[in-house]
């Protein structure tokens, strides 16, 4: 199914980031970004001016090592080269990394690791994932340290919201797709491919609508959970009709940002569902 123009652009953007995020050198990162723009007809002079540098050859001086790149310079470069939020943050962190020690340095390294892990995800558009709401949940569960791939364990972990047969068929489905893989030497261990799933054209996708409905029903039943185990945030407001598309864009950006910031190379120990809803209350 065709992906929207915005989703396609986002997909291409993230695919291109994986190799860019491997470097630990801010100058190497900058060189890659500058060369991309030079290849499309820009010039060092134009790029330097866009960054707000007084000298038209300042970028060349940076790349040759004749000028040092500080955090403020990195911010100017991010603005002038129109880097996306992930790349902007990555460049700034690379610069900070060489100037910090102790806990501040550990924090920067951890965030760099998260950004690299996020960029390494493979992007797949396959609507069969939404044939059953629990496919995506079991895929995520396969990343838990105690996941053993036993249908009975899965049913128990999901509070018996699915049957043994559904757990078995979902495991077979995910393995047939190659999204999770059972270890040959230890059948109780699984490897999960790092994937970001794109739902294609969500407007007319009945399967995705059914999945959202199922998770909303689950959310209703979790209203009585302890506040430490769930969160519900909402706002009712009056807006111009032509601003609703902006609401949708901002919600998608929020989800993307949440996933980006929480994606880590370290294994998680629980599966959660974050679901944003925006709809018209009046006609």
Protein backbone atom coordinates (compact mmCIF):
# COMPACT_ATOMS: atom_id res chain seq x y z
CA UNK A 1 0.00 0.00 0.00
CA UNK A 2 1.31 3.44 -0.87
CA UNK A 3 2.93 5.41 1.91
CA UNK A 4 2.07 9.09 2.38
CA UNK A 5 4.55 11.66 1.06
CA UNK A 6 5.44 12.72 4.61
CA UNK A 7 5.99 9.13 5.73
CA UNK A 8 8.07 8.36 2.64
CA UNK A 9 10.26 11.40 3.27
CA UNK A 10 10.72 10.39 6.90
CA UNK A 11 11.58 6.83 5.85
CA UNK A 12 14.23 7.98 3.38
CA UNK A 13 15.63 10.36 5.97
CA UNK A 14 16.10 7.69 8.61
CA UNK A 15 17.54 5.17 6.19
CA UNK A 16 20.24 7.68 5.25
CA UNK A 17 21.15 8.33 8.88
CA UNK A 18 22.50 4.88 9.78
CA UNK A 19 25.94 5.27 8.16
CA UNK A 20 26.16 8.94 9.20
CA UNK A 21 25.73 8.08 12.87
CA UNK A 22 28.64 5.63 13.00
CA UNK A 23 31.34 8.27 13.31
CA UNK A 24 32.75 9.59 16.58
CA UNK A 25 34.42 12.58 14.94
CA UNK A 26 32.38 15.80 14.53
CA UNK A 27 34.56 16.88 11.57
CA UNK A 28 33.92 13.61 9.75
CA UNK A 29 30.21 14.06 10.38
CA UNK A 30 30.38 17.65 9.10
CA UNK A 31 32.35 16.61 6.02
CA UNK A 32 29.69 14.07 5.08
CA UNK A 33 26.88 16.62 5.43
CA UNK A 34 28.75 19.33 3.51
CA UNK A 35 29.70 16.97 0.68
CA UNK A 36 26.05 15.96 0.30
CA UNK A 37 25.08 19.59 -0.21
CA UNK A 38 27.99 20.39 -2.52
CA UNK A 39 26.90 17.45 -4.67
CA UNK A 40 23.48 19.05 -5.14
CA UNK A 41 24.87 22.36 -6.39
CA UNK A 42 25.60 24.35 -3.24
CA UNK A 43 28.98 25.91 -2.42
CA UNK A 44 31.19 26.45 0.62
CA UNK A 45 30.48 30.17 0.39
CA UNK A 46 26.71 29.74 0.36
CA UNK A 47 26.76 27.19 3.17
CA UNK A 48 28.99 29.36 5.35
CA UNK A 49 26.66 32.33 4.84
CA UNK A 50 23.63 30.16 5.67
CA UNK A 51 25.33 29.20 8.93
CA UNK A 52 25.81 32.85 9.82
CA UNK A 53 29.61 32.82 9.65
CA UNK A 54 31.29 36.13 8.83
CA UNK A 55 33.97 34.41 6.78
CA UNK A 56 32.73 32.78 3.56
CA UNK A 57 35.39 30.07 3.84
CA UNK A 58 34.79 29.28 7.52
CA UNK A 59 33.47 25.79 6.83
CA UNK A 60 36.63 25.00 4.87
CA UNK A 61 38.72 26.24 7.80
CA UNK A 62 36.77 23.97 10.15
CA UNK A 63 37.16 20.94 7.93
CA UNK A 64 40.90 21.55 7.55
CA UNK A 65 41.31 21.76 11.31
CA UNK A 66 42.37 25.42 11.26
CA UNK A 67 39.33 26.37 13.35
CA UNK A 68 37.88 24.58 16.37
CA UNK A 69 34.24 23.60 16.51
CA UNK A 70 32.47 24.56 19.72
CA UNK A 71 28.90 23.88 20.80
CA UNK A 72 27.63 27.25 19.55
CA UNK A 73 29.35 26.71 16.21
CA UNK A 74 27.72 23.27 15.99
CA UNK A 75 24.31 24.87 16.59
CA UNK A 76 24.94 27.41 13.80
CA UNK A 77 25.96 24.60 11.46
CA UNK A 78 22.86 22.58 12.31
CA UNK A 79 20.69 25.61 11.53
CA UNK A 80 22.55 26.61 8.36
CA UNK A 81 22.70 23.11 6.89
CA UNK A 82 19.08 22.49 7.94
CA UNK A 83 19.96 19.29 9.78
CA UNK A 84 17.04 17.31 11.16
CA UNK A 85 16.64 17.19 14.98
CA UNK A 86 18.49 13.87 15.32
CA UNK A 87 21.51 14.99 13.33
CA UNK A 88 21.56 18.38 15.07
CA UNK A 89 21.67 16.73 18.47
CA UNK A 90 24.22 14.15 17.32
CA UNK A 91 26.65 16.81 16.07
CA UNK A 92 26.31 18.84 19.27
CA UNK A 93 26.91 15.73 21.40
CA UNK A 94 30.01 14.79 19.39
CA UNK A 95 31.44 18.23 20.12
CA UNK A 96 30.55 18.03 23.81
CA UNK A 97 32.03 14.55 24.10
CA UNK A 98 35.58 15.84 23.61
CA UNK A 99 35.14 18.44 26.36
CA UNK A 100 33.55 16.44 29.18
CA UNK A 101 34.66 13.93 31.79
CA UNK A 102 33.04 11.84 34.49
CA UNK A 103 29.25 11.54 34.75
CA UNK A 104 28.47 14.30 32.20
CA UNK A 105 30.57 12.40 29.65
CA UNK A 106 28.83 9.11 30.50
CA UNK A 107 25.46 10.78 29.95
CA UNK A 108 26.53 12.12 26.54
CA UNK A 109 27.88 8.71 25.50
CA UNK A 110 24.65 7.04 26.54
CA UNK A 111 22.60 9.48 24.44
CA UNK A 112 24.93 8.98 21.45
CA UNK A 113 24.41 5.24 21.84
CA UNK A 114 20.63 5.75 21.81
CA UNK A 115 20.78 7.83 18.65
CA UNK A 116 22.95 5.21 16.93
CA UNK A 117 20.60 2.42 17.99
CA UNK A 118 17.62 4.35 16.66
CA UNK A 119 19.29 5.04 13.32
CA UNK A 120 20.19 1.35 12.94
CA UNK A 121 16.54 0.29 12.81
CA UNK A 122 15.33 -1.15 9.53
CA UNK A 123 12.19 0.51 8.16
CA UNK A 124 9.52 -1.87 6.90
CA UNK A 125 6.03 -1.20 5.56
CA UNK A 126 4.10 -4.46 5.95
CA UNK A 127 0.44 -4.31 6.88
CA UNK A 128 0.33 -8.02 7.77
CA UNK A 129 1.77 -7.05 11.16
CA UNK A 130 -1.67 -5.61 11.95
CA UNK A 131 -3.59 -8.80 11.15
CA UNK A 132 -3.72 -9.30 14.92
CA UNK A 133 -3.09 -6.72 17.65
CA UNK A 134 -0.80 -9.07 19.56
CA UNK A 135 1.72 -9.55 16.71
CA UNK A 136 3.42 -6.25 17.48
CA UNK A 137 3.28 -6.95 21.22
CA UNK A 138 4.92 -10.38 20.92
CA UNK A 139 7.51 -8.89 18.58
CA UNK A 140 8.40 -6.41 21.33
CA UNK A 141 8.29 -9.13 23.98
CA UNK A 142 10.97 -11.04 22.04
CA UNK A 143 13.38 -8.30 23.12
CA UNK A 144 12.81 -8.97 26.83
CA UNK A 145 15.63 -10.80 28.67
CA UNK A 146 13.26 -13.46 30.07
CA UNK A 147 11.43 -14.18 26.80
CA UNK A 148 11.56 -17.97 26.20
CA UNK A 149 9.24 -18.26 23.22
CA UNK A 150 6.84 -20.61 24.99
CA UNK A 151 3.19 -19.92 24.11
CA UNK A 152 2.10 -20.54 27.72
CA UNK A 153 4.59 -17.95 28.99
CA UNK A 154 3.36 -15.41 26.43
CA UNK A 155 -0.27 -15.98 27.38
CA UNK A 156 0.62 -15.54 31.06
CA UNK A 157 2.63 -12.36 30.42
CA UNK A 158 -0.37 -10.92 28.52
CA UNK A 159 -2.73 -11.70 31.40
CA UNK A 160 -4.53 -14.37 29.32
CA UNK A 161 -5.80 -11.83 26.80
CA UNK A 162 -4.94 -14.26 24.00
CA UNK A 163 -5.22 -18.04 23.65
CA UNK A 164 -2.43 -20.61 23.37
CA UNK A 165 -3.35 -21.08 19.72
CA UNK A 166 -3.07 -17.36 19.02
CA UNK A 167 0.34 -17.22 20.74
CA UNK A 168 1.58 -20.20 18.71
CA UNK A 169 0.35 -18.80 15.39
CA UNK A 170 1.83 -15.38 16.14
CA UNK A 171 5.24 -16.91 16.92
CA UNK A 172 5.14 -18.83 13.64
CA UNK A 173 4.10 -15.69 11.77
CA UNK A 174 6.90 -13.54 13.24
CA UNK A 175 9.52 -16.22 12.59
CA UNK A 176 8.29 -16.81 9.03
CA UNK A 177 8.67 -13.06 8.40
CA UNK A 178 12.19 -13.18 9.81
CA UNK A 179 11.35 -10.52 12.39
CA UNK A 180 12.31 -12.77 15.29
CA UNK A 181 14.70 -15.72 15.13
CA UNK A 182 15.12 -18.68 17.43
CA UNK A 183 18.70 -19.49 18.42
CA UNK A 184 19.88 -22.81 16.97
CA UNK A 185 21.90 -23.80 20.04
CA UNK A 186 19.28 -22.69 22.59
CA UNK A 187 15.62 -22.93 21.60
CA UNK A 188 14.56 -20.78 24.57
CA UNK A 189 16.43 -17.72 23.26
CA UNK A 190 15.36 -15.42 20.45
CA UNK A 191 16.91 -12.58 18.47
CA UNK A 192 14.68 -9.71 17.39
CA UNK A 193 15.52 -7.75 14.25
CA UNK A 194 15.65 -3.99 14.97
CA UNK A 195 12.71 -2.77 12.91
CA UNK A 196 10.56 0.34 12.72
CA UNK A 197 7.21 -0.64 11.23
CA UNK A 198 5.38 1.80 8.97
CA UNK A 199 1.68 1.22 8.51
CA UNK A 200 1.42 2.52 4.96
CA UNK A 201 -1.79 4.39 4.15
CA UNK A 202 -3.42 4.40 7.59
CA UNK A 203 -6.48 6.35 6.47
CA UNK A 204 -8.19 3.35 4.88
CA UNK A 205 -6.46 0.53 6.74
CA UNK A 206 -9.21 -1.43 8.50
CA UNK A 207 -6.66 -3.66 10.23
CA UNK A 208 -4.92 -0.72 11.87
CA UNK A 209 -8.26 0.75 12.90
CA UNK A 210 -9.22 -2.56 14.54
CA UNK A 211 -5.85 -2.70 16.34
CA UNK A 212 -6.32 0.84 17.70
CA UNK A 213 -9.80 -0.09 18.89
CA UNK A 214 -8.46 -3.14 20.72
CA UNK A 215 -5.75 -1.13 22.49
CA UNK A 216 -8.29 1.55 23.43
CA UNK A 217 -10.44 -1.15 25.01
CA UNK A 218 -7.40 -2.35 26.95
CA UNK A 219 -6.71 1.24 28.07
CA UNK A 220 -10.23 1.51 29.50
CA UNK A 221 -9.61 -1.54 31.67
CA UNK A 222 -6.32 -0.07 32.91
CA UNK A 223 -7.95 3.13 34.20
CA UNK A 224 -8.03 1.68 37.71
CA UNK A 225 -4.35 0.72 37.73
CA UNK A 226 -2.04 2.47 40.16
CA UNK A 227 -0.79 5.83 38.86
CA UNK A 228 2.76 4.48 38.90
CA UNK A 229 1.71 1.90 36.28
CA UNK A 230 -0.16 4.09 33.79
CA UNK A 231 -0.62 7.68 32.63
CA UNK A 232 -3.44 9.50 30.87
CA UNK A 233 -2.96 13.02 29.57
CA UNK A 234 -5.54 14.96 27.57
CA UNK A 235 -6.74 18.43 26.62
CA UNK A 236 -10.01 19.78 25.21
CA UNK A 237 -9.62 23.01 23.26
CA UNK A 238 -11.11 25.23 20.57
CA UNK A 239 -9.08 25.54 17.37
CA UNK A 240 -9.64 26.80 13.78
CA UNK A 241 -10.67 24.00 11.42
CA UNK A 242 -7.58 24.46 9.27
CA UNK A 243 -5.32 23.75 12.29
CA UNK A 244 -6.39 20.11 12.73
CA UNK A 245 -3.77 18.86 10.23
CA UNK A 246 -1.18 20.57 12.43
CA UNK A 247 -2.48 18.63 15.44
CA UNK A 248 -1.95 15.39 13.51
CA UNK A 249 1.56 16.38 12.48
CA UNK A 250 2.52 17.37 16.03
CA UNK A 251 1.20 14.09 17.41
CA UNK A 252 3.22 12.11 14.87
CA UNK A 253 6.31 14.17 15.70
CA UNK A 254 5.76 13.44 19.39
CA UNK A 255 5.56 9.69 18.79
CA UNK A 256 8.66 9.79 16.58
CA UNK A 257 10.54 11.80 19.21
CA UNK A 258 9.46 9.46 22.01
CA UNK A 259 10.61 6.41 20.09
CA UNK A 260 13.88 8.08 19.16
CA UNK A 261 14.71 9.11 22.73
CA UNK A 262 13.74 5.81 24.34
CA UNK A 263 15.33 3.53 21.75
CA UNK A 264 18.44 2.10 23.35
CA UNK A 265 21.05 -0.56 22.73
CA UNK A 266 20.28 -1.93 26.23
CA UNK A 267 17.46 -4.52 26.54
CA UNK A 268 14.19 -3.35 28.06
CA UNK A 269 12.35 -5.21 30.80
CA UNK A 270 8.72 -4.33 29.98
CA UNK A 271 6.45 -3.64 27.00
CA UNK A 272 4.23 -0.55 27.07
CA UNK A 273 1.71 1.01 24.70
CA UNK A 274 1.68 4.74 24.02
CA UNK A 275 -1.36 5.76 21.97
CA UNK A 276 -2.32 9.34 21.07
CA UNK A 277 -5.84 10.23 19.95
CA UNK A 278 -7.08 13.43 18.43
CA UNK A 279 -10.65 13.82 17.23
CA UNK A 280 -13.41 16.37 16.74
CA UNK A 281 -15.95 16.57 19.58
CA UNK A 282 -18.27 18.97 17.75
CA UNK A 283 -19.53 18.91 14.15
